[in-house]
N, C-alpha and C. Protein backbone atom coordinates (compact mmCIF):
# COMPACT_ATOMS: atom_id res chain seq x y z
N MET A 1 90.43 -79.24 -24.30
CA MET A 1 90.68 -78.31 -25.37
C MET A 1 89.83 -77.06 -25.15
N PHE A 2 90.45 -75.90 -25.27
CA PHE A 2 89.75 -74.64 -25.07
C PHE A 2 89.67 -73.90 -26.40
N PHE A 3 88.52 -73.30 -26.63
CA PHE A 3 88.31 -72.52 -27.84
C PHE A 3 88.22 -71.05 -27.45
N LYS A 4 88.91 -70.22 -28.20
CA LYS A 4 88.84 -68.79 -27.96
C LYS A 4 87.51 -68.27 -28.48
N ARG A 5 86.81 -67.50 -27.66
CA ARG A 5 85.54 -66.92 -28.09
C ARG A 5 85.77 -65.87 -29.16
N LYS A 6 84.91 -65.89 -30.16
CA LYS A 6 85.00 -64.89 -31.22
C LYS A 6 84.40 -63.59 -30.69
N LYS A 7 85.16 -62.53 -30.77
CA LYS A 7 84.70 -61.22 -30.33
C LYS A 7 83.79 -60.61 -31.39
N LEU A 8 82.80 -59.86 -30.95
CA LEU A 8 81.94 -59.15 -31.88
C LEU A 8 82.66 -57.89 -32.33
N GLN A 9 82.63 -57.63 -33.65
CA GLN A 9 83.29 -56.47 -34.23
C GLN A 9 82.32 -55.67 -35.08
N CYS A 10 82.58 -54.37 -35.16
CA CYS A 10 81.82 -53.50 -36.06
C CYS A 10 82.13 -53.91 -37.49
N SER A 11 81.11 -54.04 -38.31
CA SER A 11 81.29 -54.43 -39.71
C SER A 11 81.97 -53.33 -40.54
N SER A 12 81.87 -52.08 -40.09
CA SER A 12 82.45 -50.98 -40.85
C SER A 12 83.88 -50.67 -40.45
N CYS A 13 84.11 -50.42 -39.16
CA CYS A 13 85.44 -49.98 -38.72
C CYS A 13 86.25 -51.09 -38.05
N LYS A 14 85.67 -52.27 -37.88
CA LYS A 14 86.33 -53.45 -37.29
C LYS A 14 86.71 -53.28 -35.82
N LYS A 15 86.10 -52.31 -35.14
CA LYS A 15 86.35 -52.10 -33.71
C LYS A 15 85.68 -53.24 -32.92
N GLU A 16 86.39 -53.80 -31.94
CA GLU A 16 85.82 -54.85 -31.10
C GLU A 16 84.91 -54.24 -30.05
N PHE A 17 83.76 -54.85 -29.84
CA PHE A 17 82.81 -54.36 -28.85
C PHE A 17 83.19 -54.86 -27.46
N GLN A 18 83.05 -53.98 -26.48
CA GLN A 18 83.24 -54.35 -25.08
C GLN A 18 81.91 -54.91 -24.56
N SER A 19 81.92 -55.58 -23.42
CA SER A 19 80.72 -56.22 -22.92
C SER A 19 79.63 -55.24 -22.52
N ASP A 20 79.98 -54.00 -22.20
CA ASP A 20 78.99 -53.01 -21.77
C ASP A 20 78.64 -51.99 -22.85
N GLU A 21 79.13 -52.20 -24.07
CA GLU A 21 78.95 -51.24 -25.15
C GLU A 21 77.66 -51.51 -25.93
N LYS A 22 77.03 -50.44 -26.39
CA LYS A 22 75.83 -50.56 -27.20
C LYS A 22 76.22 -50.74 -28.66
N LEU A 23 75.40 -51.50 -29.40
CA LEU A 23 75.66 -51.72 -30.81
C LEU A 23 74.36 -51.79 -31.57
N ALA A 24 74.44 -51.66 -32.89
CA ALA A 24 73.28 -51.76 -33.76
C ALA A 24 73.38 -53.05 -34.56
N LEU A 25 72.30 -53.81 -34.57
CA LEU A 25 72.24 -55.08 -35.28
C LEU A 25 71.27 -54.90 -36.44
N PHE A 26 71.75 -55.09 -37.67
CA PHE A 26 70.91 -54.93 -38.85
C PHE A 26 70.49 -56.30 -39.36
N VAL A 27 69.18 -56.55 -39.39
CA VAL A 27 68.66 -57.84 -39.82
C VAL A 27 67.29 -57.62 -40.47
N ARG A 28 66.97 -58.44 -41.44
CA ARG A 28 65.66 -58.38 -42.07
C ARG A 28 64.66 -59.15 -41.21
N ALA A 29 63.45 -58.64 -41.11
CA ALA A 29 62.43 -59.26 -40.28
C ALA A 29 62.13 -60.69 -40.72
N GLY A 30 62.23 -60.99 -41.99
CA GLY A 30 61.97 -62.33 -42.50
C GLY A 30 62.97 -63.37 -42.03
N GLU A 31 64.16 -62.91 -41.57
CA GLU A 31 65.18 -63.83 -41.09
C GLU A 31 64.94 -64.27 -39.65
N LEU A 32 64.00 -63.64 -38.96
CA LEU A 32 63.73 -63.98 -37.57
C LEU A 32 62.63 -65.03 -37.52
N ASN A 33 63.00 -66.23 -37.18
CA ASN A 33 62.05 -67.33 -37.10
C ASN A 33 61.98 -67.85 -35.67
N GLY A 34 61.02 -67.35 -34.91
CA GLY A 34 60.86 -67.82 -33.53
C GLY A 34 61.95 -67.32 -32.61
N VAL A 35 62.18 -68.05 -31.56
CA VAL A 35 63.17 -67.68 -30.56
C VAL A 35 64.57 -67.93 -31.12
N THR A 36 65.41 -66.94 -30.99
CA THR A 36 66.76 -67.01 -31.54
C THR A 36 67.77 -66.74 -30.44
N ASN A 37 68.85 -67.51 -30.41
CA ASN A 37 69.97 -67.22 -29.51
C ASN A 37 70.66 -65.99 -30.08
N LEU A 38 70.40 -64.84 -29.51
CA LEU A 38 70.83 -63.57 -30.10
C LEU A 38 72.35 -63.46 -30.22
N LYS A 39 73.09 -63.96 -29.24
CA LYS A 39 74.54 -63.84 -29.30
C LYS A 39 75.11 -64.63 -30.48
N ALA A 40 74.63 -65.85 -30.69
CA ALA A 40 75.10 -66.66 -31.82
C ALA A 40 74.59 -66.07 -33.13
N PHE A 41 73.36 -65.61 -33.15
CA PHE A 41 72.75 -65.04 -34.34
C PHE A 41 73.45 -63.74 -34.75
N ALA A 42 73.83 -62.93 -33.77
CA ALA A 42 74.45 -61.63 -34.04
C ALA A 42 75.78 -61.78 -34.75
N LYS A 43 76.52 -62.85 -34.49
CA LYS A 43 77.82 -63.05 -35.13
C LYS A 43 77.69 -63.25 -36.63
N LEU A 44 76.51 -63.63 -37.09
CA LEU A 44 76.28 -63.88 -38.51
C LEU A 44 75.68 -62.69 -39.24
N GLN A 45 75.36 -61.61 -38.50
CA GLN A 45 74.69 -60.45 -39.07
C GLN A 45 75.63 -59.27 -39.16
N ARG A 46 75.14 -58.20 -39.78
CA ARG A 46 75.92 -56.96 -39.87
C ARG A 46 75.74 -56.18 -38.57
N LEU A 47 76.84 -55.88 -37.90
CA LEU A 47 76.84 -55.12 -36.65
C LEU A 47 77.58 -53.82 -36.87
N GLU A 48 77.11 -52.76 -36.23
CA GLU A 48 77.82 -51.49 -36.31
C GLU A 48 77.85 -50.83 -34.94
N CYS A 49 78.96 -50.16 -34.67
CA CYS A 49 79.05 -49.39 -33.43
C CYS A 49 78.20 -48.12 -33.61
N LEU A 50 77.89 -47.47 -32.52
CA LEU A 50 77.02 -46.29 -32.60
C LEU A 50 77.69 -45.14 -33.34
N ASP A 51 79.03 -45.09 -33.33
CA ASP A 51 79.74 -44.05 -34.09
C ASP A 51 79.51 -44.22 -35.59
N CYS A 52 79.59 -45.45 -36.08
CA CYS A 52 79.39 -45.73 -37.51
C CYS A 52 77.93 -45.52 -37.91
N VAL A 53 77.01 -45.85 -37.01
CA VAL A 53 75.59 -45.62 -37.30
C VAL A 53 75.33 -44.13 -37.44
N ALA A 54 75.94 -43.33 -36.56
CA ALA A 54 75.75 -41.88 -36.61
C ALA A 54 76.34 -41.29 -37.89
N LYS A 55 77.45 -41.86 -38.37
CA LYS A 55 78.07 -41.39 -39.61
C LYS A 55 77.27 -41.81 -40.83
N GLY A 56 76.45 -42.86 -40.69
CA GLY A 56 75.66 -43.33 -41.80
C GLY A 56 76.42 -44.22 -42.75
N SER A 57 77.47 -44.88 -42.27
CA SER A 57 78.26 -45.77 -43.14
C SER A 57 77.50 -47.03 -43.44
N LYS A 58 77.77 -47.61 -44.62
CA LYS A 58 77.10 -48.85 -45.03
C LYS A 58 78.10 -49.81 -45.58
């Protein structure tokens, strides 16, 4: 059985991130407890593409 990988998307504009694209990850420092698998952790957080960060969308 094969599972399709969930693509990372911008929380504002829903654009899918490419593997070489830069993104902004918004997280509170209190949520970081030790070593974290960033890829799995990032799927649960608010992500924004650099265009949305520049626009200041929330």
